[in-house]
Amino acid sequence: MTRSAHLFYKWLGFVIAVLIAGVGTILGVVEEVPLQHVIFFTAATVALVLWGWHHFSIRWVYKQDEIGLESARPPEAAVREPDPQEEEANESGGFLRNLIYRIRTILIGVALLIILFLILTATVDGFFTARNIFASIILVILLALAVALNRYVTTNKSAYIGVTVLVGLFVVGSLVVDGFFSAINFKSMLVFAAFLGLACLGQTLVVLLGGLDLSIPFIIGSANIALAYLFGIEGLPNWLAVLIILGLGACIGAVTGFLSFRLQGQALIVSLGVGFAVAGGTQIVTSIGTRYAGNVHGAVPGWLTNIAAMNGETFGLKVPPVILIWIVVAVLLIIAMRNTVYGRNLYALGGSRTAARRLSISERKYWVGVYTISGFIAAMTGSLLLGWSGSGFIGVGNPYLFTTLAAVVIGGTSLLGGWGGYGFTVIGVLVLQVLTSFLVGIGLNYEGQQFVFGLLIIPLVALYARSPHIRNQI
């Protein structure tokens, strides 16, 4: 590292430390914090930022330069004398241009966050406050640090990015939204995350094979109103009605899997067509004898309400059972995908169908199987949502049309198949749910939430797309 580069890094760290401490000082004065506390925390902030800057920036830059010199130097080659013209160019601004190029990802991300902050300021009343400015600065620092450290993460990079975004959202939400980190809000986020997480289970398995299942939201809505309809039939036990719905969901998934396997080039449209047909047929059946279509009202069993409702209890504990169901299912699936023949064959098929076929792995069996599981889980999700809402509604699955895909993508599972897993999807689900709770807390409407989701998905997909597909790494 040249002398100019070293001085640049030192002064840049000092400027960042002063800016962060200055913002904290201003907020302390505005919030009428005692003067001695402001002085103490300002000094501590400057010292902590300077230490962190030296530890995570200058030291690693030195190490990177050493690695670069060693890898670029031919064996037994004489050390080349420094070129005066190169040193002059470096001193005259070449280093600064090189640095800007190296951190271009951070600069682009900061620019996008600034644009997002300006949009929120213009659309949300009372958003431009000192607390929100400070929280935005904290988020920028966390994301910039995550991008800077990203080059040193060699395995599970998508999980690292997702966890970093999740931590940043929790920090910012706690600073901006009153009661964001309260027990009731935490429980609410976990309940809705459980519904989304279960709906994403089948989508993850399908994506691991390189497919997409757009019938999930339609099966969820159809199961929701069909189960409410069956509960209203006299003489039909409630448990039998649930089993019928789950069985029908699995059958619909199997049909979708078989048709999409036979028409691989049109698998996406096939799943969408099956979903439309199922939703329309269910509404026709459940609307017989009534003027309403798409809404079914009836008595929901107390045990189903207890499983899915916010005030549900598990063995006397104030924890809704749906949360525990999701946790158990997630743990079992993550373990099974890595430690069973079925899971390993699924990854093999997603990575290379030709290689898997040569190992006598039945592509049709696994393709139909994952769609069957997807249909079963979608029907179960629709049944649980009936317990949460208390009445059937065909549109209850509409939000899951793209959120299931968004959670899978944000988690880092490759849409090309063969890479990722449900553990990554769990991270994506939590990121989406925490982000949704935060946006609702600041008063952003549904359209604005969709806009923010898009801004989040695009850069994450761009980051993941830079990694080669698994079949190209062998």
Protein backbone atom coordinates (compact mmCIF):
# COMPACT_ATOMS: atom_id res chain seq x y z
CA MET A 1 0.00 0.00 0.00
CA THR A 2 1.35 3.44 -0.94
CA ARG A 3 1.69 6.27 1.53
CA SER A 4 -1.17 8.20 -0.07
CA ALA A 5 -3.49 5.20 0.17
CA HIS A 6 -2.61 4.67 3.83
CA LEU A 7 -3.24 8.32 4.68
CA PHE A 8 -6.50 8.27 2.72
CA TYR A 9 -7.82 5.29 4.69
CA LYS A 10 -6.79 6.81 8.02
CA TRP A 11 -8.48 10.15 7.36
CA LEU A 12 -11.55 8.50 5.86
CA GLY A 13 -11.99 6.50 9.05
CA PHE A 14 -11.58 9.64 11.14
CA VAL A 15 -14.21 11.50 9.09
CA ILE A 16 -16.68 8.59 9.40
CA ALA A 17 -16.12 8.43 13.17
CA VAL A 18 -16.72 12.18 13.54
CA LEU A 19 -19.89 12.04 11.41
CA ILE A 20 -21.37 9.14 13.38
CA ALA A 21 -20.48 10.70 16.72
CA GLY A 22 -21.83 14.06 15.53
CA VAL A 23 -25.18 12.57 14.60
CA GLY A 24 -25.37 10.87 18.00
CA THR A 25 -24.50 14.13 19.75
CA ILE A 26 -27.19 16.07 17.88
CA LEU A 27 -29.80 13.42 18.68
CA GLY A 28 -28.73 13.44 22.32
CA VAL A 29 -29.18 17.18 22.54
CA VAL A 30 -32.54 17.03 20.75
CA GLU A 31 -33.79 14.27 23.07
CA GLU A 32 -32.53 16.27 26.12
CA VAL A 33 -30.12 13.59 27.28
CA PRO A 34 -27.90 14.67 30.23
CA LEU A 35 -24.75 16.45 29.04
CA GLN A 36 -22.32 14.07 30.75
CA HIS A 37 -23.97 11.13 29.01
CA VAL A 38 -23.72 12.86 25.63
CA ILE A 39 -20.00 13.57 26.13
CA PHE A 40 -19.27 10.04 27.30
CA PHE A 41 -21.14 8.32 24.47
CA THR A 42 -19.65 10.68 21.87
CA ALA A 43 -16.11 9.86 22.98
CA ALA A 44 -16.90 6.16 23.17
CA THR A 45 -18.46 6.22 19.67
CA VAL A 46 -15.41 7.91 18.16
CA ALA A 47 -13.05 5.42 19.80
CA LEU A 48 -15.15 2.39 18.83
CA VAL A 49 -15.55 3.48 15.19
CA LEU A 50 -11.84 4.26 14.84
CA TRP A 51 -10.91 0.87 16.28
CA GLY A 52 -13.40 -0.93 14.07
CA TRP A 53 -12.24 0.97 11.00
CA HIS A 54 -8.62 0.06 11.62
CA HIS A 55 -9.46 -3.56 12.38
CA PHE A 56 -11.84 -4.24 9.50
CA SER A 57 -10.48 -1.91 6.83
CA ILE A 58 -6.79 -0.99 6.99
CA ARG A 59 -5.61 -4.37 8.28
CA TRP A 60 -7.49 -6.27 5.60
CA VAL A 61 -6.33 -3.92 2.87
CA TYR A 62 -2.75 -4.62 3.86
CA LYS A 63 -3.47 -8.35 3.85
CA GLN A 64 -5.16 -8.14 0.47
CA ASP A 65 -2.17 -6.30 -0.99
CA GLU A 66 0.19 -8.96 0.35
CA ILE A 67 -1.91 -11.76 -1.16
CA GLY A 68 -2.10 -9.91 -4.46
CA LEU A 69 1.66 -9.37 -4.58
CA GLU A 70 2.42 -12.98 -3.74
CA SER A 71 -0.03 -14.36 -6.32
CA ALA A 72 1.10 -11.98 -9.05
CA ARG A 73 4.82 -12.47 -8.50
CA PRO A 74 6.30 -15.23 -10.71
CA PRO A 75 8.43 -17.80 -8.89
CA GLU A 76 12.12 -17.02 -8.78
CA ALA A 77 11.47 -13.69 -10.49
CA ALA A 78 13.36 -10.60 -9.60
CA VAL A 79 11.50 -7.89 -7.75
CA ARG A 80 10.63 -5.14 -10.20
CA GLU A 81 11.71 -1.66 -9.31
CA PRO A 82 8.84 0.75 -8.77
CA ASP A 83 7.92 2.82 -11.79
CA PRO A 84 8.05 6.58 -11.03
CA GLN A 85 5.24 7.22 -13.54
CA GLU A 86 2.94 4.69 -11.82
CA GLU A 87 3.65 6.25 -8.44
CA GLU A 88 2.93 9.68 -9.83
CA ALA A 89 -0.38 8.49 -11.32
CA ASN A 90 -1.32 6.84 -8.04
CA GLU A 91 -0.49 10.01 -6.11
CA SER A 92 -2.51 12.17 -8.53
CA GLY A 93 -5.83 10.39 -8.07
CA GLY A 94 -5.49 6.92 -9.57
CA PHE A 95 -5.89 5.33 -6.16
CA LEU A 96 -9.12 7.20 -5.50
CA ARG A 97 -10.59 6.07 -8.83
CA ASN A 98 -9.56 2.50 -8.09
CA LEU A 99 -11.14 2.68 -4.63
CA ILE A 100 -14.43 3.99 -6.03
CA TYR A 101 -14.48 1.12 -8.50
CA ARG A 102 -13.85 -1.43 -5.75
CA ILE A 103 -16.65 -0.15 -3.52
CA ARG A 104 -19.10 0.59 -6.33
CA THR A 105 -21.58 -1.95 -4.90
CA ILE A 106 -21.66 -0.10 -1.59
CA LEU A 107 -22.08 3.25 -3.32
CA ILE A 108 -24.96 1.96 -5.46
CA GLY A 109 -26.66 0.47 -2.40
CA VAL A 110 -26.31 3.73 -0.46
CA ALA A 111 -27.76 5.65 -3.41
CA LEU A 112 -30.77 3.29 -3.55
CA LEU A 113 -31.36 3.66 0.20
CA ILE A 114 -31.20 7.44 -0.09
CA ILE A 115 -33.76 7.32 -2.91
CA LEU A 116 -35.98 5.04 -0.80
CA PHE A 117 -35.68 7.39 2.18
CA LEU A 118 -36.70 10.37 0.03
CA ILE A 119 -39.69 8.44 -1.36
CA LEU A 120 -40.84 7.49 2.15
CA THR A 121 -40.40 11.08 3.28
CA ALA A 122 -42.60 12.27 0.43
CA THR A 123 -45.32 9.62 0.88
CA VAL A 124 -45.48 9.04 4.66
CA ASP A 125 -46.51 11.92 6.91
CA GLY A 126 -44.09 12.63 9.74
CA PHE A 127 -41.40 10.24 8.47
CA PHE A 128 -38.64 12.88 8.29
CA THR A 129 -37.57 12.87 11.94
CA ALA A 130 -34.22 12.75 13.72
CA ARG A 131 -34.89 9.22 14.90
CA ASN A 132 -35.59 7.96 11.38
CA ILE A 133 -32.50 9.71 10.01
CA PHE A 134 -30.34 8.08 12.68
CA ALA A 135 -31.90 4.66 12.02
CA SER A 136 -31.28 5.06 8.28
CA ILE A 137 -27.62 5.87 8.93
CA ILE A 138 -27.30 2.76 11.11
CA LEU A 139 -28.87 0.65 8.34
CA VAL A 140 -26.47 2.09 5.73
CA ILE A 141 -23.48 1.32 7.96
CA LEU A 142 -24.62 -2.25 8.57
CA LEU A 143 -25.28 -2.96 4.91
CA ALA A 144 -22.00 -1.32 3.84
CA LEU A 145 -20.11 -3.43 6.37
CA ALA A 146 -21.92 -6.55 5.15
CA VAL A 147 -20.97 -5.87 1.54
CA ALA A 148 -17.38 -5.12 2.55
CA LEU A 149 -17.12 -8.41 4.46
CA ASN A 150 -18.94 -10.33 1.73
CA ARG A 151 -15.71 -11.07 -0.15
CA TYR A 152 -14.35 -12.96 2.85
CA VAL A 153 -17.38 -15.25 3.13
CA THR A 154 -16.74 -18.34 1.03
CA THR A 155 -19.61 -20.64 2.05
CA ASN A 156 -23.33 -19.99 2.63
CA LYS A 157 -22.98 -16.45 1.30
CA SER A 158 -26.73 -16.10 0.80
CA ALA A 159 -27.39 -16.98 4.44
CA TYR A 160 -24.83 -14.38 5.51
CA ILE A 161 -26.50 -11.68 3.41
CA GLY A 162 -29.98 -12.64 4.63
CA VAL A 163 -29.01 -12.67 8.31
CA THR A 164 -27.28 -9.29 7.89
CA VAL A 165 -30.41 -7.77 6.33
CA LEU A 166 -32.55 -9.33 9.08
CA VAL A 167 -30.37 -7.88 11.85
CA GLY A 168 -30.40 -4.48 10.17
CA LEU A 169 -34.19 -4.50 9.90
CA PHE A 170 -34.56 -5.46 13.57
CA VAL A 171 -32.23 -2.66 14.66
CA VAL A 172 -33.90 -0.03 12.50
CA GLY A 173 -37.41 -1.21 13.39
CA SER A 174 -36.63 -1.05 17.10
CA LEU A 175 -35.36 2.52 16.72
CA VAL A 176 -38.15 3.81 14.48
CA VAL A 177 -41.38 1.98 15.40
CA ASP A 178 -42.69 2.16 18.96
CA GLY A 179 -43.36 -1.30 20.36
CA PHE A 180 -41.63 -3.04 17.44
CA PHE A 181 -39.62 -5.26 19.76
CA SER A 182 -42.50 -5.94 22.12
CA ALA A 183 -43.69 -9.45 22.93
CA ILE A 184 -47.05 -9.00 21.19
CA ASN A 185 -45.45 -7.75 17.96
CA PHE A 186 -42.85 -10.48 18.10
CA LYS A 187 -45.60 -13.09 18.46
CA SER A 188 -47.57 -11.54 15.61
CA MET A 189 -44.55 -11.62 13.29
CA LEU A 190 -43.88 -15.27 14.12
CA VAL A 191 -47.50 -16.30 13.51
CA PHE A 192 -47.61 -14.72 10.05
CA ALA A 193 -44.09 -15.99 9.33
CA ALA A 194 -45.29 -19.50 10.19
CA PHE A 195 -48.10 -19.29 7.60
CA LEU A 196 -45.72 -17.97 4.95
CA GLY A 197 -43.00 -20.42 5.93
CA LEU A 198 -45.30 -23.41 5.55
CA ALA A 199 -46.53 -22.14 2.19
CA CYS A 200 -42.91 -21.75 1.05
CA LEU A 201 -41.98 -25.33 1.94
CA GLY A 202 -43.37 -26.87 -1.22
CA GLN A 203 -42.14 -23.97 -3.34
CA THR A 204 -38.59 -24.52 -2.07
CA LEU A 205 -38.62 -28.21 -2.98
CA VAL A 206 -40.00 -27.43 -6.44
CA VAL A 207 -37.40 -24.70 -7.01
CA LEU A 208 -34.61 -27.06 -5.99
CA LEU A 209 -35.57 -29.16 -9.02
CA GLY A 210 -35.63 -26.10 -11.26
CA GLY A 211 -39.41 -25.65 -11.39
CA LEU A 212 -41.97 -23.16 -10.08
CA ASP A 213 -45.38 -23.87 -8.58
CA LEU A 214 -47.84 -21.01 -9.12
CA SER A 215 -50.81 -23.10 -8.00
CA ILE A 216 -49.93 -22.69 -4.30
CA PRO A 217 -52.06 -19.57 -3.58
CA PHE A 218 -55.07 -21.06 -5.40
CA ILE A 219 -54.84 -24.31 -3.43
CA ILE A 220 -54.57 -22.30 -0.22
CA GLY A 221 -57.73 -20.32 -1.02
CA SER A 222 -59.62 -23.37 -2.26
CA ALA A 223 -58.73 -25.41 0.84
CA ASN A 224 -59.79 -22.49 3.00
CA ILE A 225 -63.36 -22.27 1.68
CA ALA A 226 -63.72 -26.01 1.00
CA LEU A 227 -62.89 -26.89 4.59
CA ALA A 228 -65.33 -24.29 5.89
CA TYR A 229 -67.94 -25.81 3.57
CA LEU A 230 -67.26 -29.33 4.86
CA PHE A 231 -67.48 -28.16 8.46
CA GLY A 232 -71.07 -27.12 7.72
CA ILE A 233 -72.13 -30.60 6.57
CA GLU A 234 -74.01 -32.36 9.34
CA GLY A 235 -72.74 -35.76 10.35
CA LEU A 236 -69.25 -35.28 8.87
CA PRO A 237 -66.59 -35.39 11.62
CA ASN A 238 -64.28 -32.38 11.65
CA TRP A 239 -61.12 -34.49 11.63
CA LEU A 240 -62.37 -36.37 8.56
CA ALA A 241 -63.07 -33.07 6.79
CA VAL A 242 -59.47 -31.96 7.42
CA LEU A 243 -58.09 -35.26 6.08
CA ILE A 244 -60.25 -34.94 2.95
CA ILE A 245 -58.90 -31.44 2.26
CA LEU A 246 -55.30 -32.52 2.81
CA GLY A 247 -55.78 -35.53 0.55
CA LEU A 248 -57.34 -33.42 -2.19
CA GLY A 249 -54.47 -30.96 -1.92
CA ALA A 250 -51.95 -33.77 -2.40
CA CYS A 251 -53.91 -35.12 -5.37
CA ILE A 252 -54.03 -31.71 -7.02
CA GLY A 253 -50.28 -31.37 -6.49
CA ALA A 254 -49.67 -34.77 -8.02
CA VAL A 255 -51.75 -33.85 -11.10
CA THR A 256 -49.82 -30.59 -11.44
CA GLY A 257 -46.53 -32.44 -11.15
CA PHE A 258 -47.47 -35.06 -13.72
CA LEU A 259 -48.73 -32.54 -16.26
CA SER A 260 -45.80 -30.17 -15.78
CA PHE A 261 -43.35 -33.08 -16.14
CA ARG A 262 -44.90 -34.12 -19.42
CA LEU A 263 -44.93 -30.51 -20.62
CA GLN A 264 -41.62 -29.35 -19.16
CA GLY A 265 -41.33 -26.35 -21.45
CA GLN A 266 -44.67 -25.04 -20.15
CA ALA A 267 -44.44 -26.12 -16.50
CA LEU A 268 -44.99 -22.60 -15.18
CA ILE A 269 -48.18 -22.07 -17.19
CA VAL A 270 -49.43 -25.57 -16.34
CA SER A 271 -49.27 -24.91 -12.60
CA LEU A 272 -51.00 -21.56 -13.07
CA GLY A 273 -53.74 -23.15 -15.18
CA VAL A 274 -54.33 -25.92 -12.65
CA GLY A 275 -54.57 -23.31 -9.91
CA PHE A 276 -57.19 -21.29 -11.77
CA ALA A 277 -59.21 -24.44 -12.51
CA VAL A 278 -59.12 -25.59 -8.89
CA ALA A 279 -60.11 -22.17 -7.54
CA GLY A 280 -62.97 -21.82 -10.01
CA GLY A 281 -64.26 -25.35 -9.44
CA THR A 282 -64.17 -24.95 -5.68
CA GLN A 283 -66.17 -21.74 -5.84
CA ILE A 284 -68.79 -23.40 -8.07
CA VAL A 285 -69.24 -26.30 -5.65
CA THR A 286 -69.29 -24.24 -2.45
CA SER A 287 -71.67 -21.62 -3.88
CA ILE A 288 -74.44 -24.10 -4.72
CA GLY A 289 -77.59 -23.03 -2.90
CA THR A 290 -76.25 -19.58 -1.97
CA ARG A 291 -75.88 -16.22 -3.66
CA TYR A 292 -72.31 -15.75 -2.49
CA ALA A 293 -69.24 -17.19 -4.22
CA GLY A 294 -65.80 -17.20 -2.69
CA ASN A 295 -66.99 -16.70 0.89
CA VAL A 296 -68.12 -19.49 3.21
CA HIS A 297 -69.22 -18.82 6.76
CA GLY A 298 -69.61 -21.50 9.37
CA ALA A 299 -68.54 -22.73 12.77
CA VAL A 300 -64.81 -23.45 13.01
CA PRO A 301 -63.78 -26.04 15.63
CA GLY A 302 -62.17 -24.60 18.72
CA TRP A 303 -59.08 -26.80 18.42
CA LEU A 304 -58.34 -25.44 14.93
CA THR A 305 -58.80 -21.87 16.15
CA ASN A 306 -56.46 -22.52 19.05
CA ILE A 307 -53.77 -23.85 16.69
CA ALA A 308 -53.69 -20.79 14.42
CA ALA A 309 -55.05 -17.84 16.43
CA MET A 310 -52.88 -15.19 18.05
CA ASN A 311 -54.25 -16.07 21.48
CA GLY A 312 -53.69 -19.81 21.01
CA GLU A 313 -51.99 -21.80 23.75
CA THR A 314 -49.61 -24.76 23.72
CA PHE A 315 -49.79 -26.88 26.88
CA GLY A 316 -50.80 -23.81 28.86
CA LEU A 317 -48.11 -21.57 27.37
CA LYS A 318 -49.15 -18.38 25.56
CA VAL A 319 -47.53 -19.57 22.34
CA PRO A 320 -49.69 -20.31 19.27
CA PRO A 321 -49.16 -23.97 18.23
CA VAL A 322 -48.73 -22.95 14.57
CA ILE A 323 -45.36 -21.42 15.46
CA LEU A 324 -44.15 -24.66 17.02
CA ILE A 325 -45.53 -26.66 14.10
CA TRP A 326 -43.50 -24.54 11.68
CA ILE A 327 -40.33 -24.86 13.78
CA VAL A 328 -40.65 -28.64 14.02
CA VAL A 329 -41.39 -29.03 10.31
CA ALA A 330 -38.48 -26.74 9.39
CA VAL A 331 -35.97 -28.59 11.57
CA LEU A 332 -37.06 -32.02 10.34
CA LEU A 333 -36.96 -30.96 6.69
CA ILE A 334 -33.54 -29.30 6.96
CA ILE A 335 -32.09 -32.41 8.59
CA ALA A 336 -33.80 -34.75 6.13
CA MET A 337 -32.61 -32.84 3.06
CA ARG A 338 -29.00 -33.24 4.08
CA ASN A 339 -29.02 -36.69 5.65
CA THR A 340 -31.41 -38.83 3.61
CA VAL A 341 -31.16 -40.45 0.21
CA TYR A 342 -34.26 -38.59 -0.95
CA GLY A 343 -32.78 -35.23 -0.09
CA ARG A 344 -29.41 -35.93 -1.71
CA ASN A 345 -31.08 -37.24 -4.86
CA LEU A 346 -33.22 -34.11 -5.01
CA TYR A 347 -30.11 -31.92 -5.00
CA ALA A 348 -28.50 -34.18 -7.58
CA LEU A 349 -31.47 -33.83 -9.94
CA GLY A 350 -31.54 -30.08 -9.54
CA GLY A 351 -27.80 -29.83 -10.15
CA SER A 352 -27.68 -31.99 -13.26
CA ARG A 353 -30.53 -34.08 -14.57
CA THR A 354 -28.25 -35.88 -17.01
CA ALA A 355 -25.85 -36.97 -14.28
CA ALA A 356 -28.74 -37.99 -12.01
CA ARG A 357 -30.31 -40.02 -14.80
CA ARG A 358 -27.05 -41.91 -15.26
CA LEU A 359 -27.21 -42.76 -11.56
CA SER A 360 -30.67 -44.31 -12.16
CA ILE A 361 -32.49 -41.56 -10.24
CA SER A 362 -36.09 -41.32 -11.47
CA GLU A 363 -36.71 -37.74 -12.52
CA ARG A 364 -40.47 -38.22 -12.90
CA LYS A 365 -40.79 -39.76 -9.44
CA TYR A 366 -39.10 -36.85 -7.72
CA TRP A 367 -40.76 -34.20 -9.89
CA VAL A 368 -44.26 -35.48 -9.17
CA GLY A 369 -43.30 -36.07 -5.54
CA VAL A 370 -42.27 -32.48 -4.78
CA TYR A 371 -45.42 -31.11 -6.42
CA THR A 372 -47.49 -33.54 -4.35
CA ILE A 373 -45.80 -32.30 -1.18
CA SER A 374 -46.37 -28.72 -2.32
CA GLY A 375 -50.10 -29.32 -2.81
CA PHE A 376 -50.41 -31.07 0.55
CA ILE A 377 -48.64 -28.26 2.43
CA ALA A 378 -50.63 -25.59 0.58
CA ALA A 379 -53.90 -27.29 1.64
CA MET A 380 -52.62 -27.47 5.21
CA THR A 381 -51.76 -23.77 5.12
CA GLY A 382 -55.26 -22.92 3.87
CA SER A 383 -56.78 -25.00 6.67
CA LEU A 384 -54.67 -23.22 9.30
CA LEU A 385 -55.64 -19.84 7.88
CA LEU A 386 -59.29 -20.84 8.33
CA GLY A 387 -58.58 -21.35 12.02
CA TRP A 388 -56.95 -17.92 12.15
CA SER A 389 -59.70 -15.98 10.33
CA GLY A 390 -62.78 -17.93 11.42
CA SER A 391 -64.41 -17.89 7.95
CA GLY A 392 -63.55 -19.08 4.45
CA PHE A 393 -62.36 -16.67 1.76
CA ILE A 394 -61.09 -17.71 -1.67
CA GLY A 395 -58.68 -14.76 -1.86
CA VAL A 396 -56.86 -15.63 1.36
CA GLY A 397 -54.04 -17.17 -0.67
CA ASN A 398 -53.54 -14.25 -3.07
CA PRO A 399 -50.69 -12.64 -1.09
CA TYR A 400 -48.76 -15.91 -1.32
CA LEU A 401 -48.56 -15.86 -5.11
CA PHE A 402 -45.33 -13.88 -5.17
CA THR A 403 -44.31 -13.80 -1.51
CA THR A 404 -43.49 -17.51 -1.61
CA LEU A 405 -41.20 -16.87 -4.58
CA ALA A 406 -39.80 -13.74 -2.95
CA ALA A 407 -38.92 -15.61 0.25
CA VAL A 408 -37.17 -18.36 -1.72
CA VAL A 409 -35.22 -15.82 -3.78
CA ILE A 410 -34.29 -13.61 -0.82
CA GLY A 411 -33.13 -16.69 1.06
CA GLY A 412 -30.76 -17.51 -1.80
CA THR A 413 -32.12 -20.76 -3.21
CA SER A 414 -31.17 -20.84 -6.88
CA LEU A 415 -34.09 -20.68 -9.32
CA LEU A 416 -31.99 -22.87 -11.62
CA GLY A 417 -32.14 -25.71 -9.09
CA GLY A 418 -29.57 -27.72 -7.20
CA TRP A 419 -28.53 -25.10 -4.67
CA GLY A 420 -30.11 -23.71 -1.52
CA GLY A 421 -32.58 -25.32 0.82
CA TYR A 422 -35.35 -24.69 3.29
CA GLY A 423 -32.98 -23.23 5.87
CA PHE A 424 -32.25 -20.39 3.47
CA THR A 425 -35.98 -19.97 2.81
CA VAL A 426 -36.61 -19.60 6.55
CA ILE A 427 -34.23 -16.63 6.55
CA GLY A 428 -36.05 -15.15 3.56
CA VAL A 429 -39.42 -15.61 5.29
CA LEU A 430 -38.20 -13.83 8.42
CA VAL A 431 -36.73 -10.98 6.37
CA LEU A 432 -40.01 -10.48 4.51
CA GLN A 433 -42.11 -10.63 7.65
CA VAL A 434 -39.92 -8.26 9.67
CA LEU A 435 -39.82 -5.87 6.72
CA THR A 436 -43.61 -6.02 6.37
CA SER A 437 -44.09 -5.31 10.08
CA PHE A 438 -41.69 -2.39 9.84
CA LEU A 439 -43.40 -0.88 6.79
CA VAL A 440 -46.82 -1.25 8.40
CA GLY A 441 -45.44 0.36 11.55
CA ILE A 442 -44.31 3.48 9.69
CA GLY A 443 -47.69 3.74 7.94
CA LEU A 444 -46.76 2.66 4.43
CA ASN A 445 -49.66 1.41 2.31
CA TYR A 446 -49.80 -1.90 0.45
CA GLU A 447 -48.61 -0.45 -2.86
CA GLY A 448 -45.62 1.11 -1.16
CA GLN A 449 -44.79 -2.19 0.51
CA GLN A 450 -44.76 -3.93 -2.87
CA PHE A 451 -42.41 -1.24 -4.18
CA VAL A 452 -40.00 -1.79 -1.29
CA PHE A 453 -40.13 -5.57 -1.77
CA GLY A 454 -39.10 -5.09 -5.37
CA LEU A 455 -36.18 -2.85 -4.37
CA LEU A 456 -35.06 -5.54 -1.93
CA ILE A 457 -35.35 -8.48 -4.32
CA ILE A 458 -33.52 -6.94 -7.29
CA PRO A 459 -30.14 -6.30 -5.59
CA LEU A 460 -30.21 -9.60 -3.73
CA VAL A 461 -30.85 -11.52 -6.93
CA ALA A 462 -28.02 -9.55 -8.54
CA LEU A 463 -25.68 -10.59 -5.73
CA TYR A 464 -26.66 -14.25 -5.91
CA ALA A 465 -26.49 -14.27 -9.71
CA ARG A 466 -22.78 -13.52 -9.55
CA SER A 467 -22.18 -17.00 -8.14
CA PRO A 468 -21.83 -19.74 -10.80
CA HIS A 469 -24.43 -22.47 -10.96
CA ILE A 470 -23.56 -25.67 -9.18
CA ARG A 471 -23.30 -27.62 -12.45
CA ASN A 472 -20.64 -25.14 -13.65
CA GLN A 473 -18.53 -25.61 -10.53
CA ILE A 474 -17.91 -29.32 -11.06
